[in-house]
């Protein structure tokens, strides 16, 4: 905020991208001030570049809806060089915006019955049949803005707005890992067993988070999610493979994802 000579107040327009200090061991690169897919794509791409380059002292790079937080060891990191490199990478992401390669992860999902006990409630609220809810939920790819809440929990955008359903008035104490749910305008997947108030419409046998696996988390910010309806026999097969640690999800590259 800037005060003018006549006593008036005008808001200074922020320029993006910009790099901000966030304590002794963190720097934040901001790309905008709104929830926007293009802004988020640039933040996610920067995070991937930072981790791929393996900058000495950098511990992690965590995307949010509109920015990237880079955590580093202040003792071993050349901070000035890190700031310079981030600025260089930000300019690169700005010039490359709109040309990122799309990656879509396919999430096999068993809808309804004991795996999606709230499917009927969602159908009643929206006025659709349960079959139509499944068709609409699996008919559009969703974009992963970021991971949070629990390890590997994706914040997704792009769900059919006609499926918007309010959260439960009384949240469940425990929701099983893999539960596919709708909460308001969003859909998501519970990566581990945890409390929650979203409406459960199905479950995936794929383990989103496994600390003993490499990588421990299959999803990344900037990826797309495609829900694929499956039946019980395939659910059991994938679940068994997941328990053994041998299951690997289908990830479609840009050309495949658009077909």
C-alpha atoms as a PDB file:
ATOM      1  CA  UNK A   1       0.000   0.000   0.000  1.00  0.00           C
ATOM      2  CA  UNK A   2       1.341   3.432  -0.958  1.00  0.00           C
ATOM      3  CA  UNK A   3       0.144   6.829   0.310  1.00  0.00           C
ATOM      4  CA  UNK A   4      -0.015   9.552  -2.334  1.00  0.00           C
ATOM      5  CA  UNK A   5       0.884  13.201  -1.996  1.00  0.00           C
ATOM      6  CA  UNK A   6      -2.779  14.187  -1.657  1.00  0.00           C
ATOM      7  CA  UNK A   7      -3.405  11.787   1.192  1.00  0.00           C
ATOM      8  CA  UNK A   8      -5.072   9.195  -1.011  1.00  0.00           C
ATOM      9  CA  UNK A   9      -4.199   5.550  -0.917  1.00  0.00           C
ATOM     10  CA  UNK A  10      -3.402   3.384  -3.888  1.00  0.00           C
ATOM     11  CA  UNK A  11      -2.552  -0.290  -3.915  1.00  0.00           C
ATOM     12  CA  UNK A  12       0.820  -1.109  -5.398  1.00  0.00           C
ATOM     13  CA  UNK A  13       0.505  -3.723  -8.123  1.00  0.00           C
ATOM     14  CA  UNK A  14       2.554  -6.791  -7.348  1.00  0.00           C
ATOM     15  CA  UNK A  15       4.888  -8.076 -10.001  1.00  0.00           C
ATOM     16  CA  UNK A  16       5.290 -11.808 -10.503  1.00  0.00           C
ATOM     17  CA  UNK A  17       7.212 -13.967 -10.306  1.00  0.00           C
ATOM     18  CA  UNK A  18       8.854 -12.709  -7.148  1.00  0.00           C
ATOM     19  CA  UNK A  19      11.157 -14.373  -4.621  1.00  0.00           C
ATOM     20  CA  UNK A  20      10.652 -13.849  -0.897  1.00  0.00           C
ATOM     21  CA  UNK A  21      12.576 -14.892   2.207  1.00  0.00           C
ATOM     22  CA  UNK A  22      10.611 -17.053   4.652  1.00  0.00           C
ATOM     23  CA  UNK A  23      12.929 -17.548   7.602  1.00  0.00           C
ATOM     24  CA  UNK A  24      16.520 -18.757   7.754  1.00  0.00           C
ATOM     25  CA  UNK A  25      15.924 -21.981   5.841  1.00  0.00           C
ATOM     26  CA  UNK A  26      13.189 -21.264   3.313  1.00  0.00           C
ATOM     27  CA  UNK A  27      12.655 -19.151   0.232  1.00  0.00           C
ATOM     28  CA  UNK A  28       9.326 -18.742  -1.564  1.00  0.00           C
ATOM     29  CA  UNK A  29       8.801 -18.132  -5.277  1.00  0.00           C
ATOM     30  CA  UNK A  30       5.373 -16.597  -5.927  1.00  0.00           C
ATOM     31  CA  UNK A  31       3.724 -16.707  -9.343  1.00  0.00           C
ATOM     32  CA  UNK A  32       0.404 -14.993  -8.586  1.00  0.00           C
ATOM     33  CA  UNK A  33      -2.236 -14.317  -5.956  1.00  0.00           C
ATOM     34  CA  UNK A  34      -5.117 -16.531  -7.086  1.00  0.00           C
ATOM     35  CA  UNK A  35      -6.021 -20.196  -7.543  1.00  0.00           C
ATOM     36  CA  UNK A  36      -5.272 -20.609 -11.208  1.00  0.00           C
ATOM     37  CA  UNK A  37      -4.140 -23.668 -13.157  1.00  0.00           C
ATOM     38  CA  UNK A  38      -1.544 -21.783 -15.217  1.00  0.00           C
ATOM     39  CA  UNK A  39      -0.025 -20.209 -12.098  1.00  0.00           C
ATOM     40  CA  UNK A  40       0.048 -23.564 -10.321  1.00  0.00           C
ATOM     41  CA  UNK A  41       1.575 -25.331 -13.325  1.00  0.00           C
ATOM     42  CA  UNK A  42       4.507 -22.918 -13.246  1.00  0.00           C
ATOM     43  CA  UNK A  43       5.014 -23.442  -9.503  1.00  0.00           C
ATOM     44  CA  UNK A  44       4.936 -27.232  -9.913  1.00  0.00           C
ATOM     45  CA  UNK A  45       7.325 -27.116 -12.874  1.00  0.00           C
ATOM     46  CA  UNK A  46       9.765 -24.980 -10.896  1.00  0.00           C
ATOM     47  CA  UNK A  47       9.624 -27.478  -8.038  1.00  0.00           C
ATOM     48  CA  UNK A  48      10.463 -30.336 -10.393  1.00  0.00           C
ATOM     49  CA  UNK A  49      13.392 -28.376 -11.850  1.00  0.00           C
ATOM     50  CA  UNK A  50      14.759 -27.487  -8.411  1.00  0.00           C
ATOM     51  CA  UNK A  51      14.743 -31.093  -7.224  1.00  0.00           C
ATOM     52  CA  UNK A  52      16.072 -32.425 -10.528  1.00  0.00           C
ATOM     53  CA  UNK A  53      19.051 -30.071 -10.449  1.00  0.00           C
ATOM     54  CA  UNK A  54      20.050 -31.221  -6.970  1.00  0.00           C
ATOM     55  CA  UNK A  55      21.205 -27.786  -5.768  1.00  0.00           C
ATOM     56  CA  UNK A  56      23.631 -28.284  -2.840  1.00  0.00           C
ATOM     57  CA  UNK A  57      21.875 -27.840   0.500  1.00  0.00           C
ATOM     58  CA  UNK A  58      18.301 -27.881  -0.839  1.00  0.00           C
ATOM     59  CA  UNK A  59      16.145 -30.236   1.231  1.00  0.00           C
ATOM     60  CA  UNK A  60      12.733 -30.043  -0.435  1.00  0.00           C
ATOM     61  CA  UNK A  61      10.552 -28.053  -2.815  1.00  0.00           C
ATOM     62  CA  UNK A  62       6.847 -27.858  -1.928  1.00  0.00           C
ATOM     63  CA  UNK A  63       4.307 -26.367  -4.381  1.00  0.00           C
ATOM     64  CA  UNK A  64       1.148 -24.619  -3.178  1.00  0.00           C
ATOM     65  CA  UNK A  65      -1.760 -23.303  -5.247  1.00  0.00           C
ATOM     66  CA  UNK A  66       0.228 -20.233  -6.321  1.00  0.00           C
ATOM     67  CA  UNK A  67       3.822 -20.557  -5.133  1.00  0.00           C
ATOM     68  CA  UNK A  68       6.756 -22.804  -4.363  1.00  0.00           C
ATOM     69  CA  UNK A  69       8.491 -23.096  -0.993  1.00  0.00           C
ATOM     70  CA  UNK A  70      12.112 -24.221  -1.233  1.00  0.00           C
ATOM     71  CA  UNK A  71      13.576 -25.517   2.037  1.00  0.00           C
ATOM     72  CA  UNK A  72      17.345 -25.559   2.480  1.00  0.00           C
ATOM     73  CA  UNK A  73      20.089 -26.022   5.041  1.00  0.00           C
ATOM     74  CA  UNK A  74      21.292 -22.469   5.812  1.00  0.00           C
ATOM     75  CA  UNK A  75      24.667 -23.785   6.996  1.00  0.00           C
ATOM     76  CA  UNK A  76      25.643 -25.652   3.834  1.00  0.00           C
ATOM     77  CA  UNK A  77      23.751 -23.632   1.192  1.00  0.00           C
ATOM     78  CA  UNK A  78      25.191 -20.801  -0.878  1.00  0.00           C
ATOM     79  CA  UNK A  79      22.085 -18.660  -0.342  1.00  0.00           C
ATOM     80  CA  UNK A  80      22.986 -15.917  -2.820  1.00  0.00           C
ATOM     81  CA  UNK A  81      23.613 -18.496  -5.533  1.00  0.00           C
ATOM     82  CA  UNK A  82      20.339 -20.247  -4.677  1.00  0.00           C
ATOM     83  CA  UNK A  83      18.394 -16.978  -5.036  1.00  0.00           C
ATOM     84  CA  UNK A  84      20.107 -16.287  -8.339  1.00  0.00           C
ATOM     85  CA  UNK A  85      19.348 -19.772  -9.642  1.00  0.00           C
ATOM     86  CA  UNK A  86      15.705 -19.528  -8.603  1.00  0.00           C
ATOM     87  CA  UNK A  87      15.379 -16.225 -10.413  1.00  0.00           C
ATOM     88  CA  UNK A  88      16.859 -17.792 -13.532  1.00  0.00           C
ATOM     89  CA  UNK A  89      14.504 -20.772 -13.313  1.00  0.00           C
ATOM     90  CA  UNK A  90      11.491 -18.491 -12.703  1.00  0.00           C
ATOM     91  CA  UNK A  91      12.236 -16.609 -15.900  1.00  0.00           C
ATOM     92  CA  UNK A  92      12.560 -19.922 -17.711  1.00  0.00           C
ATOM     93  CA  UNK A  93       9.161 -21.092 -16.415  1.00  0.00           C
ATOM     94  CA  UNK A  94       7.627 -17.756 -17.442  1.00  0.00           C
ATOM     95  CA  UNK A  95       8.849 -18.109 -21.027  1.00  0.00           C
ATOM     96  CA  UNK A  96       7.833 -21.788 -21.164  1.00  0.00           C
ATOM     97  CA  UNK A  97       4.335 -21.273 -19.698  1.00  0.00           C
ATOM     98  CA  UNK A  98       1.719 -23.219 -21.629  1.00  0.00           C
ATOM     99  CA  UNK A  99       4.226 -25.667 -23.117  1.00  0.00           C
ATOM    100  CA  UNK A 100       4.555 -28.112 -20.213  1.00  0.00           C
ATOM    101  CA  UNK A 101       4.111 -31.772 -21.029  1.00  0.00           C
ATOM    102  CA  UNK A 102       0.923 -33.183 -19.548  1.00  0.00           C
ATOM    103  CA  UNK A 103       1.160 -36.330 -17.406  1.00  0.00           C
ATOM    104  CA  UNK A 104      -1.977 -38.194 -16.362  1.00  0.00           C
ATOM    105  CA  UNK A 105      -2.048 -40.913 -13.711  1.00  0.00           C
ATOM    106  CA  UNK A 106      -4.863 -43.451 -13.967  1.00  0.00           C
ATOM    107  CA  UNK A 107      -6.537 -44.242 -10.634  1.00  0.00           C
ATOM    108  CA  UNK A 108      -8.554 -47.499 -10.708  1.00  0.00           C
ATOM    109  CA  UNK A 109     -11.668 -46.991  -8.573  1.00  0.00           C
ATOM    110  CA  UNK A 110     -14.387 -49.306  -7.288  1.00  0.00           C
ATOM    111  CA  UNK A 111     -17.506 -47.180  -6.832  1.00  0.00           C
ATOM    112  CA  UNK A 112     -20.461 -47.655  -4.485  1.00  0.00           C
ATOM    113  CA  UNK A 113     -21.577 -50.246  -1.928  1.00  0.00           C
ATOM    114  CA  UNK A 114     -19.202 -50.721   1.019  1.00  0.00           C
ATOM    115  CA  UNK A 115     -16.395 -48.952  -0.859  1.00  0.00           C
ATOM    116  CA  UNK A 116     -18.476 -45.819  -1.498  1.00  0.00           C
ATOM    117  CA  UNK A 117     -21.217 -45.682   1.137  1.00  0.00           C
ATOM    118  CA  UNK A 118     -22.172 -42.074   0.332  1.00  0.00           C
ATOM    119  CA  UNK A 119     -22.672 -42.591  -3.399  1.00  0.00           C
ATOM    120  CA  UNK A 120     -26.435 -42.792  -2.899  1.00  0.00           C
ATOM    121  CA  UNK A 121     -26.464 -39.542  -0.912  1.00  0.00           C
ATOM    122  CA  UNK A 122     -24.488 -37.762  -3.640  1.00  0.00           C
ATOM    123  CA  UNK A 123     -26.921 -39.122  -6.245  1.00  0.00           C
ATOM    124  CA  UNK A 124     -29.908 -37.910  -4.210  1.00  0.00           C
ATOM    125  CA  UNK A 125     -28.395 -34.453  -3.673  1.00  0.00           C
ATOM    126  CA  UNK A 126     -27.455 -33.944  -7.321  1.00  0.00           C
ATOM    127  CA  UNK A 127     -30.575 -35.534  -8.790  1.00  0.00           C
ATOM    128  CA  UNK A 128     -28.570 -38.055 -10.798  1.00  0.00           C
ATOM    129  CA  UNK A 129     -28.658 -41.818 -10.647  1.00  0.00           C
ATOM    130  CA  UNK A 130     -25.653 -43.486  -8.950  1.00  0.00           C
ATOM    131  CA  UNK A 131     -24.554 -44.694 -12.392  1.00  0.00           C
ATOM    132  CA  UNK A 132     -24.639 -41.124 -13.732  1.00  0.00           C
ATOM    133  CA  UNK A 133     -22.604 -39.865 -10.759  1.00  0.00           C
ATOM    134  CA  UNK A 134     -19.925 -42.471 -11.527  1.00  0.00           C
ATOM    135  CA  UNK A 135     -19.998 -41.594 -15.218  1.00  0.00           C
ATOM    136  CA  UNK A 136     -19.565 -37.890 -14.526  1.00  0.00           C
ATOM    137  CA  UNK A 137     -16.934 -38.368 -11.826  1.00  0.00           C
ATOM    138  CA  UNK A 138     -14.782 -40.578 -14.038  1.00  0.00           C
ATOM    139  CA  UNK A 139     -15.540 -38.681 -17.239  1.00  0.00           C
ATOM    140  CA  UNK A 140     -13.323 -35.641 -16.601  1.00  0.00           C
ATOM    141  CA  UNK A 141      -9.629 -35.601 -15.740  1.00  0.00           C
ATOM    142  CA  UNK A 142      -8.836 -33.655 -12.574  1.00  0.00           C
ATOM    143  CA  UNK A 143      -5.779 -31.477 -12.021  1.00  0.00           C
ATOM    144  CA  UNK A 144      -3.591 -31.918  -8.929  1.00  0.00           C
ATOM    145  CA  UNK A 145      -2.871 -28.448  -7.558  1.00  0.00           C
ATOM    146  CA  UNK A 146      -0.854 -29.661  -4.577  1.00  0.00           C
ATOM    147  CA  UNK A 147      -0.407 -32.365  -1.955  1.00  0.00           C
ATOM    148  CA  UNK A 148      -1.162 -31.804   1.715  1.00  0.00           C
ATOM    149  CA  UNK A 149      -3.356 -32.526   4.756  1.00  0.00           C
ATOM    150  CA  UNK A 150      -1.793 -36.010   4.926  1.00  0.00           C
ATOM    151  CA  UNK A 151       1.183 -37.406   2.932  1.00  0.00           C
ATOM    152  CA  UNK A 152       0.086 -37.835  -0.678  1.00  0.00           C
ATOM    153  CA  UNK A 153      -3.419 -36.351  -0.296  1.00  0.00           C
ATOM    154  CA  UNK A 154      -4.148 -34.524  -3.581  1.00  0.00           C
ATOM    155  CA  UNK A 155      -6.049 -31.247  -3.815  1.00  0.00           C
ATOM    156  CA  UNK A 156      -7.841 -31.657  -7.119  1.00  0.00           C
ATOM    157  CA  UNK A 157      -9.575 -29.224  -9.440  1.00  0.00           C
ATOM    158  CA  UNK A 158     -11.727 -29.891 -12.486  1.00  0.00           C
ATOM    159  CA  UNK A 159     -14.515 -32.075 -11.095  1.00  0.00           C
ATOM    160  CA  UNK A 160     -17.858 -31.777 -12.894  1.00  0.00           C
ATOM    161  CA  UNK A 161     -19.505 -28.871 -11.007  1.00  0.00           C
ATOM    162  CA  UNK A 162     -22.864 -30.671 -11.172  1.00  0.00           C
ATOM    163  CA  UNK A 163     -21.482 -33.160  -8.610  1.00  0.00           C
ATOM    164  CA  UNK A 164     -20.934 -30.514  -5.918  1.00  0.00           C
ATOM    165  CA  UNK A 165     -22.185 -31.952  -2.626  1.00  0.00           C
ATOM    166  CA  UNK A 166     -21.814 -30.548   0.902  1.00  0.00           C
ATOM    167  CA  UNK A 167     -19.489 -32.239   3.374  1.00  0.00           C
ATOM    168  CA  UNK A 168     -20.922 -34.385   6.170  1.00  0.00           C
ATOM    169  CA  UNK A 169     -22.264 -32.457   9.173  1.00  0.00           C
ATOM    170  CA  UNK A 170     -20.544 -34.970  11.444  1.00  0.00           C
ATOM    171  CA  UNK A 171     -17.149 -36.091  10.076  1.00  0.00           C
ATOM    172  CA  UNK A 172     -16.116 -39.724  10.356  1.00  0.00           C
ATOM    173  CA  UNK A 173     -13.440 -40.542  12.902  1.00  0.00           C
ATOM    174  CA  UNK A 174     -11.664 -42.839  10.456  1.00  0.00           C
ATOM    175  CA  UNK A 175     -11.771 -42.965   6.662  1.00  0.00           C
ATOM    176  CA  UNK A 176      -9.844 -45.833   5.031  1.00  0.00           C
ATOM    177  CA  UNK A 177      -6.802 -45.209   2.861  1.00  0.00           C
ATOM    178  CA  UNK A 178      -7.740 -45.078  -0.808  1.00  0.00           C
ATOM    179  CA  UNK A 179     -11.216 -43.645  -0.236  1.00  0.00           C
ATOM    180  CA  UNK A 180     -12.368 -41.507  -3.173  1.00  0.00           C
ATOM    181  CA  UNK A 181     -14.570 -38.672  -1.974  1.00  0.00           C
ATOM    182  CA  UNK A 182     -16.409 -35.468  -2.805  1.00  0.00           C
ATOM    183  CA  UNK A 183     -16.340 -32.434  -0.522  1.00  0.00           C
ATOM    184  CA  UNK A 184     -18.142 -29.366  -1.812  1.00  0.00           C
ATOM    185  CA  UNK A 185     -16.715 -28.442  -5.221  1.00  0.00           C
ATOM    186  CA  UNK A 186     -13.696 -30.718  -4.859  1.00  0.00           C
ATOM    187  CA  UNK A 187     -12.911 -34.387  -5.160  1.00  0.00           C
ATOM    188  CA  UNK A 188      -9.973 -36.130  -3.552  1.00  0.00           C
ATOM    189  CA  UNK A 189      -8.395 -39.388  -2.429  1.00  0.00           C
ATOM    190  CA  UNK A 190      -7.546 -40.178   1.189  1.00  0.00           C
ATOM    191  CA  UNK A 191      -3.932 -41.314   1.045  1.00  0.00           C
ATOM    192  CA  UNK A 192      -3.855 -42.798   4.559  1.00  0.00           C
ATOM    193  CA  UNK A 193      -6.505 -43.713   7.137  1.00  0.00           C
ATOM    194  CA  UNK A 194      -7.577 -40.461   8.777  1.00  0.00           C
ATOM    195  CA  UNK A 195     -10.593 -38.496  10.024  1.00  0.00           C
ATOM    196  CA  UNK A 196     -12.602 -36.661   7.393  1.00  0.00           C
ATOM    197  CA  UNK A 197     -15.934 -35.205   6.430  1.00  0.00           C
ATOM    198  CA  UNK A 198     -16.049 -35.709   2.685  1.00  0.00           C
ATOM    199  CA  UNK A 199     -18.649 -37.938   1.008  1.00  0.00           C
ATOM    200  CA  UNK A 200     -17.213 -41.357   0.152  1.00  0.00           C
ATOM    201  CA  UNK A 201     -18.215 -42.551  -3.318  1.00  0.00           C
ATOM    202  CA  UNK A 202     -15.594 -45.235  -3.980  1.00  0.00           C
ATOM    203  CA  UNK A 203     -12.151 -46.558  -3.176  1.00  0.00           C
ATOM    204  CA  UNK A 204      -8.948 -47.214  -5.063  1.00  0.00           C
ATOM    205  CA  UNK A 205      -6.811 -50.259  -4.199  1.00  0.00           C
ATOM    206  CA  UNK A 206      -3.747 -48.288  -5.248  1.00  0.00           C
ATOM    207  CA  UNK A 207      -1.657 -47.059  -2.333  1.00  0.00           C
ATOM    208  CA  UNK A 208      -1.053 -43.349  -2.802  1.00  0.00           C
ATOM    209  CA  UNK A 209       1.460 -43.288   0.048  1.00  0.00           C
ATOM    210  CA  UNK A 210       3.835 -46.041   1.121  1.00  0.00           C
ATOM    211  CA  UNK A 211       6.930 -44.992   3.116  1.00  0.00           C
ATOM    212  CA  UNK A 212       8.657 -48.275   2.239  1.00  0.00           C
ATOM    213  CA  UNK A 213       8.264 -47.788  -1.509  1.00  0.00           C
ATOM    214  CA  UNK A 214      10.288 -45.796  -4.013  1.00  0.00           C
ATOM    215  CA  UNK A 215       8.790 -43.383  -4.761  1.00  0.00           C
ATOM    216  CA  UNK A 216       6.722 -43.240  -1.542  1.00  0.00           C
ATOM    217  CA  UNK A 217       4.142 -40.985  -3.233  1.00  0.00           C
ATOM    218  CA  UNK A 218       2.945 -41.650  -6.787  1.00  0.00           C
ATOM    219  CA  UNK A 219       1.241 -38.285  -7.297  1.00  0.00           C
ATOM    220  CA  UNK A 220       2.901 -34.933  -7.889  1.00  0.00           C
ATOM    221  CA  UNK A 221       1.560 -31.415  -8.078  1.00  0.00           C
ATOM    222  CA  UNK A 222       0.949 -30.562 -11.718  1.00  0.00           C
ATOM    223  CA  UNK A 223      -0.182 -34.069 -12.684  1.00  0.00           C
ATOM    224  CA  UNK A 224      -3.660 -34.966 -13.908  1.00  0.00           C
ATOM    225  CA  UNK A 225      -5.836 -37.674 -12.350  1.00  0.00           C
ATOM    226  CA  UNK A 226      -8.091 -39.965 -14.375  1.00  0.00           C
ATOM    227  CA  UNK A 227     -10.502 -42.113 -12.361  1.00  0.00           C
ATOM    228  CA  UNK A 228     -11.158 -45.463 -14.060  1.00  0.00           C
ATOM    229  CA  UNK A 229     -14.143 -47.514 -12.821  1.00  0.00           C
ATOM    230  CA  UNK A 230     -13.285 -51.137 -12.019  1.00  0.00           C
ATOM    231  CA  UNK A 231     -15.058 -54.213 -10.635  1.00  0.00           C
ATOM    232  CA  UNK A 232     -14.285 -56.242  -7.496  1.00  0.00           C
ATOM    233  CA  UNK A 233     -12.004 -58.903  -9.109  1.00  0.00           C
ATOM    234  CA  UNK A 234      -9.655 -56.219 -10.486  1.00  0.00           C
ATOM    235  CA  UNK A 235      -9.807 -54.359  -7.166  1.00  0.00           C
ATOM    236  CA  UNK A 236      -8.623 -57.489  -5.337  1.00  0.00           C
ATOM    237  CA  UNK A 237      -5.846 -58.084  -7.874  1.00  0.00           C
ATOM    238  CA  UNK A 238      -4.481 -54.548  -7.621  1.00  0.00           C
ATOM    239  CA  UNK A 239      -4.824 -54.546  -3.828  1.00  0.00           C
ATOM    240  CA  UNK A 240      -2.746 -57.736  -3.591  1.00  0.00           C
ATOM    241  CA  UNK A 241      -0.049 -56.250  -5.830  1.00  0.00           C
ATOM    242  CA  UNK A 242      -0.076 -53.036  -3.775  1.00  0.00           C
ATOM    243  CA  UNK A 243       0.424 -54.975  -0.547  1.00  0.00           C
ATOM    244  CA  UNK A 244       3.453 -56.681  -2.094  1.00  0.00           C
ATOM    245  CA  UNK A 245       4.799 -53.332  -3.279  1.00  0.00           C
ATOM    246  CA  UNK A 246       4.813 -54.453  -6.907  1.00  0.00           C
ATOM    247  CA  UNK A 247       1.948 -52.344  -8.267  1.00  0.00           C
ATOM    248  CA  UNK A 248       2.848 -49.450 -10.536  1.00  0.00           C
ATOM    249  CA  UNK A 249       0.141 -47.126 -11.821  1.00  0.00           C
ATOM    250  CA  UNK A 250      -0.447 -46.317 -15.462  1.00  0.00           C
ATOM    251  CA  UNK A 251       0.928 -42.853 -16.254  1.00  0.00           C
ATOM    252  CA  UNK A 252      -0.007 -41.438 -19.631  1.00  0.00           C
ATOM    253  CA  UNK A 253       2.155 -38.890 -21.377  1.00  0.00           C
ATOM    254  CA  UNK A 254       0.684 -35.911 -23.213  1.00  0.00           C
ATOM    255  CA  UNK A 255      -0.156 -37.621 -26.520  1.00  0.00           C
ATOM    256  CA  UNK A 256      -1.688 -40.694 -24.814  1.00  0.00           C
ATOM    257  CA  UNK A 257      -3.641 -38.638 -22.296  1.00  0.00           C
ATOM    258  CA  UNK A 258      -5.440 -36.673 -24.990  1.00  0.00           C
ATOM    259  CA  UNK A 259      -6.533 -39.751 -26.931  1.00  0.00           C
END
